[in-house]
Amino acid sequence: MALAIEYDVTPDGEIELVALINAVEEDDDDPDGEAWLAWRRSHEDEGIGSVLVPPQELARMEATEDPAELRAIVERLVLADRQVKEAGG
């Protein structure tokens, strides 16, 4: 399974979770979600608020029942993604 996180950043710098998306196509042609991410980048915002969850982080998310730990994983992924994109990477 490939999981993607969609998020928005407010003008005040607050990050808002928009959606968690199973990014695997129905026929399993995109098991790592890269085709979905490429499609998402084709939108007007160029996918700036989208990040794929790496397999090891997805395993941690699936293994925990602690909401605080799950939130920390998501926040870490979003903040790292945002930092890279704001730096032009």
Protein backbone atom coordinates (compact mmCIF):
# COMPACT_ATOMS: atom_id res chain seq x y z
CA MET A 1 0.00 0.00 0.00
CA ALA A 2 1.18 3.52 -0.77
CA LEU A 3 -0.15 6.23 1.48
CA ALA A 4 -0.04 9.93 0.68
CA ILE A 5 -0.73 12.87 2.94
CA GLU A 6 -2.45 15.97 1.57
CA TYR A 7 -2.03 19.12 3.63
CA ASP A 8 -2.48 22.88 3.48
CA VAL A 9 -0.46 25.61 5.14
CA THR A 10 -2.39 28.68 6.29
CA PRO A 11 -1.03 32.22 5.87
CA ASP A 12 -0.16 32.05 9.59
CA GLY A 13 2.02 28.98 8.98
CA GLU A 14 -0.38 26.46 10.53
CA ILE A 15 -0.44 23.09 8.84
CA GLU A 16 -3.85 21.53 8.29
CA LEU A 17 -4.26 17.87 7.36
CA VAL A 18 -6.57 17.58 4.36
CA ALA A 19 -6.57 13.85 3.63
CA LEU A 20 -4.81 10.53 3.87
CA ILE A 21 -4.93 8.88 0.46
CA ASN A 22 -4.37 5.29 -0.58
CA ALA A 23 -2.29 6.15 -3.64
CA VAL A 24 -2.23 2.67 -5.20
CA GLU A 25 -4.14 2.30 -8.44
CA GLU A 26 -6.89 -0.33 -8.57
CA ASP A 27 -4.83 -2.59 -10.84
CA ASP A 28 -1.71 -2.22 -8.63
CA ASP A 29 0.28 -0.59 -11.44
CA ASP A 30 1.61 2.02 -8.98
CA PRO A 31 2.57 0.12 -5.82
CA ASP A 32 4.83 2.89 -4.49
CA GLY A 33 2.47 5.80 -5.30
CA GLU A 34 4.92 7.59 -7.59
CA ALA A 35 2.45 7.75 -10.52
CA TRP A 36 -0.17 9.26 -8.22
CA LEU A 37 2.36 11.83 -6.96
CA ALA A 38 3.31 12.71 -10.56
CA TRP A 39 -0.40 13.19 -11.35
CA ARG A 40 -0.79 15.35 -8.25
CA ARG A 41 2.17 17.50 -9.33
CA SER A 42 0.36 18.22 -12.61
CA HIS A 43 -2.19 20.37 -10.73
CA GLU A 44 -2.03 24.16 -10.44
CA ASP A 45 -0.26 24.03 -7.04
CA GLU A 46 2.24 21.49 -8.43
CA GLY A 47 1.48 19.12 -5.56
CA ILE A 48 3.15 21.32 -2.98
CA GLY A 49 0.84 20.02 -0.24
CA SER A 50 1.35 16.31 -0.99
CA VAL A 51 3.85 13.84 0.40
CA LEU A 52 4.17 10.08 0.09
CA VAL A 53 4.64 8.16 3.32
CA PRO A 54 7.83 6.08 3.16
CA PRO A 55 7.30 2.34 3.78
CA GLN A 56 9.09 2.34 7.16
CA GLU A 57 6.94 5.26 8.40
CA LEU A 58 3.80 3.57 7.09
CA ALA A 59 4.74 0.45 9.07
CA ARG A 60 5.12 2.60 12.21
CA MET A 61 1.75 4.24 11.56
CA GLU A 62 0.06 0.87 11.13
CA ALA A 63 1.74 -0.57 14.24
CA THR A 64 0.74 2.15 16.67
CA GLU A 65 -2.52 2.60 18.50
CA ASP A 66 -1.27 5.78 20.17
CA PRO A 67 -2.87 8.88 18.59
CA ALA A 68 -0.03 11.10 19.81
CA GLU A 69 2.57 8.88 18.12
CA LEU A 70 0.55 8.80 14.90
CA ARG A 71 0.21 12.58 14.95
CA ALA A 72 3.97 12.94 15.55
CA ILE A 73 4.76 10.74 12.54
CA VAL A 74 2.44 12.73 10.28
CA GLU A 75 3.78 16.06 11.56
CA ARG A 76 7.38 14.97 11.03
CA LEU A 77 6.66 13.89 7.45
CA VAL A 78 4.75 17.06 6.59
CA LEU A 79 7.33 19.38 8.17
CA ALA A 80 10.21 17.64 6.39
CA ASP A 81 8.33 17.78 3.06
CA ARG A 82 7.50 21.44 3.53
CA GLN A 83 11.09 22.31 4.41
CA VAL A 84 12.40 20.65 1.23
CA LYS A 85 9.77 22.32 -0.97
CA GLU A 86 10.26 25.76 0.52
CA ALA A 87 14.02 25.40 -0.02
CA GLY A 88 13.33 24.75 -3.69
CA GLY A 89 14.00 21.03 -3.66
